[in-house]
C-alpha atoms as a PDB file:
ATOM      1  CA  MET A   1      48.850  92.616  65.545  1.00  0.00           C
ATOM      2  CA  PRO A   2      46.559  92.533  68.620  1.00  0.00           C
ATOM      3  CA  ILE A   3      43.341  91.110  67.051  1.00  0.00           C
ATOM      4  CA  PHE A   4      45.466  87.963  66.086  1.00  0.00           C
ATOM      5  CA  GLU A   5      47.339  88.053  69.259  1.00  0.00           C
ATOM      6  CA  LEU A   6      50.780  86.164  69.106  1.00  0.00           C
ATOM      7  CA  ARG A   7      49.620  83.336  66.966  1.00  0.00           C
ATOM      8  CA  ALA A   8      49.860  85.750  63.999  1.00  0.00           C
ATOM      9  CA  SER A   9      52.395  88.340  65.304  1.00  0.00           C
ATOM     10  CA  ILE A  10      55.232  85.878  65.811  1.00  0.00           C
ATOM     11  CA  PRO A  11      54.935  84.486  62.267  1.00  0.00           C
ATOM     12  CA  TRP A  12      54.570  87.920  60.807  1.00  0.00           C
ATOM     13  CA  GLY A  13      57.488  89.065  62.859  1.00  0.00           C
ATOM     14  CA  PHE A  14      59.594  86.329  61.682  1.00  0.00           C
ATOM     15  CA  LEU A  15      58.949  87.287  58.187  1.00  0.00           C
ATOM     16  CA  GLN A  16      59.979  90.718  58.837  1.00  0.00           C
ATOM     17  CA  VAL A  17      63.386  90.174  60.593  1.00  0.00           C
ATOM     18  CA  SER A  18      64.342  87.160  58.748  1.00  0.00           C
ATOM     19  CA  SER A  19      67.596  88.829  57.631  1.00  0.00           C
ATOM     20  CA  VAL A  20      68.465  89.954  61.252  1.00  0.00           C
ATOM     21  CA  PRO A  21      70.510  87.324  63.247  1.00  0.00           C
ATOM     22  CA  TYR A  22      68.416  86.261  66.195  1.00  0.00           C
ATOM     23  CA  GLY A  23      65.858  88.830  65.277  1.00  0.00           C
ATOM     24  CA  TRP A  24      63.345  85.994  66.108  1.00  0.00           C
ATOM     25  CA  ILE A  25      64.245  86.262  69.819  1.00  0.00           C
ATOM     26  CA  TYR A  26      63.212  89.856  69.939  1.00  0.00           C
ATOM     27  CA  VAL A  27      60.046  89.219  67.995  1.00  0.00           C
ATOM     28  CA  SER A  28      58.945  86.501  70.301  1.00  0.00           C
ATOM     29  CA  ILE A  29      59.692  88.443  73.506  1.00  0.00           C
ATOM     30  CA  VAL A  30      57.778  91.405  72.333  1.00  0.00           C
ATOM     31  CA  ALA A  31      54.845  89.282  71.096  1.00  0.00           C
ATOM     32  CA  ILE A  32      54.642  87.393  74.415  1.00  0.00           C
ATOM     33  CA  ILE A  33      54.946  90.452  76.587  1.00  0.00           C
ATOM     34  CA  THR A  34      52.430  92.288  74.638  1.00  0.00           C
ATOM     35  CA  ASN A  35      50.161  89.487  74.862  1.00  0.00           C
ATOM     36  CA  ILE A  36      50.705  89.099  78.534  1.00  0.00           C
ATOM     37  CA  ILE A  37      49.601  92.629  79.188  1.00  0.00           C
ATOM     38  CA  LEU A  38      46.750  92.238  76.768  1.00  0.00           C
ATOM     39  CA  GLY A  39      44.655  89.664  78.852  1.00  0.00           C
ATOM     40  CA  PRO A  40      44.301  91.639  82.017  1.00  0.00           C
ATOM     41  CA  VAL A  41      43.632  94.934  79.876  1.00  0.00           C
ATOM     42  CA  ILE A  42      40.607  93.078  78.260  1.00  0.00           C
ATOM     43  CA  TYR A  43      39.452  91.577  81.700  1.00  0.00           C
ATOM     44  CA  PHE A  44      39.528  95.204  82.958  1.00  0.00           C
ATOM     45  CA  VAL A  45      37.652  96.529  80.139  1.00  0.00           C
ATOM     46  CA  LEU A  46      34.931  93.697  80.442  1.00  0.00           C
ATOM     47  CA  ASP A  47      34.844  94.311  84.092  1.00  0.00           C
ATOM     48  CA  LYS A  48      34.433  98.068  84.162  1.00  0.00           C
ATOM     49  CA  PHE A  49      32.536  98.726  80.910  1.00  0.00           C
ATOM     50  CA  ILE A  50      30.584  95.567  79.713  1.00  0.00           C
ATOM     51  CA  ASP A  51      27.125  96.866  81.002  1.00  0.00           C
ATOM     52  CA  LEU A  52      27.710 100.184  79.120  1.00  0.00           C
ATOM     53  CA  PHE A  53      28.843  98.410  75.909  1.00  0.00           C
ATOM     54  CA  ARG A  54      25.857  96.141  76.063  1.00  0.00           C
ATOM     55  CA  ARG A  55      23.382  98.824  75.514  1.00  0.00           C
ATOM     56  CA  ILE A  56      24.526  99.058  72.004  1.00  0.00           C
ATOM     57  CA  LYS A  57      22.492  96.250  69.953  1.00  0.00           C
ATOM     58  CA  ILE A  58      25.380  95.152  67.910  1.00  0.00           C
ATOM     59  CA  ILE A  59      27.768  94.886  70.792  1.00  0.00           C
ATOM     60  CA  ASP A  60      25.312  93.053  72.786  1.00  0.00           C
ATOM     61  CA  LYS A  61      24.718  90.543  69.975  1.00  0.00           C
ATOM     62  CA  ILE A  62      28.388  89.967  69.425  1.00  0.00           C
ATOM     63  CA  TYR A  63      28.838  89.782  73.240  1.00  0.00           C
ATOM     64  CA  MET A  64      25.993  87.160  73.719  1.00  0.00           C
ATOM     65  CA  LYS A  65      27.484  85.223  70.752  1.00  0.00           C
ATOM     66  CA  ASN A  66      30.911  84.954  72.344  1.00  0.00           C
ATOM     67  CA  VAL A  67      29.313  84.284  75.739  1.00  0.00           C
ATOM     68  CA  ILE A  68      27.445  81.228  74.713  1.00  0.00           C
ATOM     69  CA  ARG A  69      30.562  80.059  72.646  1.00  0.00           C
ATOM     70  CA  VAL A  70      32.945  80.601  75.463  1.00  0.00           C
ATOM     71  CA  GLN A  71      30.535  78.969  77.900  1.00  0.00           C
ATOM     72  CA  LYS A  72      30.163  75.782  75.760  1.00  0.00           C
ATOM     73  CA  LYS A  73      33.967  75.457  74.941  1.00  0.00           C
ATOM     74  CA  ILE A  74      35.635  76.247  78.488  1.00  0.00           C
ATOM     75  CA  PHE A  75      33.257  75.959  81.508  1.00  0.00           C
ATOM     76  CA  PRO A  76      32.912  72.017  81.496  1.00  0.00           C
ATOM     77  CA  LYS A  77      36.886  71.851  81.331  1.00  0.00           C
ATOM     78  CA  VAL A  78      37.320  74.437  84.057  1.00  0.00           C
ATOM     79  CA  GLU A  79      34.671  72.702  86.095  1.00  0.00           C
ATOM     80  CA  LYS A  80      36.584  69.418  85.716  1.00  0.00           C
ATOM     81  CA  TYR A  81      40.281  70.565  85.780  1.00  0.00           C
ATOM     82  CA  GLY A  82      40.316  73.947  87.633  1.00  0.00           C
ATOM     83  CA  PRO A  83      41.709  76.915  86.596  1.00  0.00           C
ATOM     84  CA  ILE A  84      44.845  75.445  84.905  1.00  0.00           C
ATOM     85  CA  ALA A  85      42.399  74.409  82.047  1.00  0.00           C
ATOM     86  CA  LEU A  86      41.847  77.927  81.228  1.00  0.00           C
ATOM     87  CA  ALA A  87      45.570  78.395  80.997  1.00  0.00           C
ATOM     88  CA  PHE A  88      45.748  75.593  78.563  1.00  0.00           C
ATOM     89  CA  PHE A  89      42.941  77.124  76.710  1.00  0.00           C
ATOM     90  CA  ILE A  90      44.752  80.374  76.436  1.00  0.00           C
ATOM     91  CA  GLY A  91      47.926  78.449  75.378  1.00  0.00           C
ATOM     92  CA  ILE A  92      46.443  76.371  72.536  1.00  0.00           C
ATOM     93  CA  PRO A  93      47.475  78.147  69.513  1.00  0.00           C
ATOM     94  CA  LEU A  94      44.486  77.861  67.507  1.00  0.00           C
ATOM     95  CA  PRO A  95      41.943  80.508  66.214  1.00  0.00           C
ATOM     96  CA  GLY A  96      39.206  81.387  68.947  1.00  0.00           C
ATOM     97  CA  THR A  97      41.656  80.661  71.741  1.00  0.00           C
ATOM     98  CA  GLY A  98      43.901  83.199  73.448  1.00  0.00           C
ATOM     99  CA  SER A  99      44.004  86.120  75.859  1.00  0.00           C
ATOM    100  CA  TYR A 100      40.842  87.797  74.432  1.00  0.00           C
ATOM    101  CA  THR A 101      38.741  84.736  74.768  1.00  0.00           C
ATOM    102  CA  GLY A 102      40.472  83.674  77.972  1.00  0.00           C
ATOM    103  CA  ALA A 103      39.845  87.114  79.629  1.00  0.00           C
ATOM    104  CA  LEU A 104      36.124  86.778  78.479  1.00  0.00           C
ATOM    105  CA  ALA A 105      36.039  83.201  79.771  1.00  0.00           C
ATOM    106  CA  ALA A 106      37.545  84.257  83.174  1.00  0.00           C
ATOM    107  CA  TYR A 107      35.074  87.122  83.540  1.00  0.00           C
ATOM    108  CA  LEU A 108      32.153  84.904  82.753  1.00  0.00           C
ATOM    109  CA  LEU A 109      33.352  82.209  85.239  1.00  0.00           C
ATOM    110  CA  GLY A 110      34.127  84.792  87.829  1.00  0.00           C
ATOM    111  CA  ILE A 111      37.690  84.174  88.178  1.00  0.00           C
ATOM    112  CA  LYS A 112      39.327  86.834  90.092  1.00  0.00           C
ATOM    113  CA  LYS A 113      41.675  89.436  88.277  1.00  0.00           C
ATOM    114  CA  LYS A 114      44.660  88.379  90.207  1.00  0.00           C
ATOM    115  CA  ASN A 115      44.093  84.591  89.594  1.00  0.00           C
ATOM    116  CA  PHE A 116      43.429  85.315  85.872  1.00  0.00           C
ATOM    117  CA  PHE A 117      46.813  87.296  85.581  1.00  0.00           C
ATOM    118  CA  TRP A 118      48.640  84.160  86.582  1.00  0.00           C
ATOM    119  CA  ILE A 119      46.387  81.920  84.283  1.00  0.00           C
ATOM    120  CA  ASN A 120      46.939  84.264  81.439  1.00  0.00           C
ATOM    121  CA  LEU A 121      50.706  84.607  82.072  1.00  0.00           C
ATOM    122  CA  ILE A 122      50.929  80.605  81.951  1.00  0.00           C
ATOM    123  CA  GLY A 123      48.668  80.411  78.840  1.00  0.00           C
ATOM    124  CA  VAL A 124      50.497  83.013  76.769  1.00  0.00           C
ATOM    125  CA  LEU A 125      54.012  81.578  77.616  1.00  0.00           C
ATOM    126  CA  ILE A 126      52.731  78.199  76.341  1.00  0.00           C
ATOM    127  CA  ALA A 127      51.389  79.690  73.234  1.00  0.00           C
ATOM    128  CA  GLY A 128      54.463  81.922  72.704  1.00  0.00           C
ATOM    129  CA  VAL A 129      56.705  79.074  73.225  1.00  0.00           C
ATOM    130  CA  LEU A 130      54.804  76.655  70.727  1.00  0.00           C
ATOM    131  CA  VAL A 131      54.447  79.316  68.111  1.00  0.00           C
ATOM    132  CA  THR A 132      58.191  80.206  68.192  1.00  0.00           C
ATOM    133  CA  LEU A 133      59.321  76.633  68.147  1.00  0.00           C
ATOM    134  CA  VAL A 134      56.911  75.899  65.095  1.00  0.00           C
ATOM    135  CA  MET A 135      58.383  79.052  63.271  1.00  0.00           C
ATOM    136  CA  LEU A 136      62.040  77.896  64.185  1.00  0.00           C
ATOM    137  CA  THR A 137      61.355  74.407  63.233  1.00  0.00           C
ATOM    138  CA  GLY A 138      59.586  75.451  59.999  1.00  0.00           C
ATOM    139  CA  SER A 139      62.136  78.065  58.785  1.00  0.00           C
ATOM    140  CA  HIS A 140      65.111  75.587  59.350  1.00  0.00           C
ATOM    141  CA  PHE A 141      63.122  73.159  57.515  1.00  0.00           C
ATOM    142  CA  PHE A 142      62.520  75.248  54.547  1.00  0.00           C
ATOM    143  CA  ALA A 143      66.013  76.645  54.741  1.00  0.00           C
ATOM    144  CA  PHE A 144      67.457  73.247  54.452  1.00  0.00           C
ATOM    145  CA  PHE A 145      65.499  72.472  51.255  1.00  0.00           C
ATOM    146  CA  ALA A 146      66.022  75.907  49.734  1.00  0.00           C
ATOM    147  CA  LYS A 147      69.962  75.210  49.669  1.00  0.00           C
END
């Protein structure tokens, strides 16, 4: 589920493999690895094709809306705390954060591709671990009361 990244992919996967012992490990690993790859791919697309895409009015409108939103959200924090703030921004499992927005923020802030890869890696690992822990805790919590 690339649009929702691992914030939805892990819970959806947990529901699909609930009867498979330790299926959650496979779900979490696949979602995390896919999301780690997703960030640099988005950054590459932005870097190579943004000028071409912006010639289309609807895409330009969506792009500018996201540019303003991302700049308001992340720029002050990156100015204050450095690139690690972007990693935490990617790692917070909330709507509007993640690899897509992190790639856009890194592109707009002029963060180099190599640096973004490591920032994205850290952020996705944070998000993946948090979402997996929430799902494990929640599934055990509900299983306890279902007995």
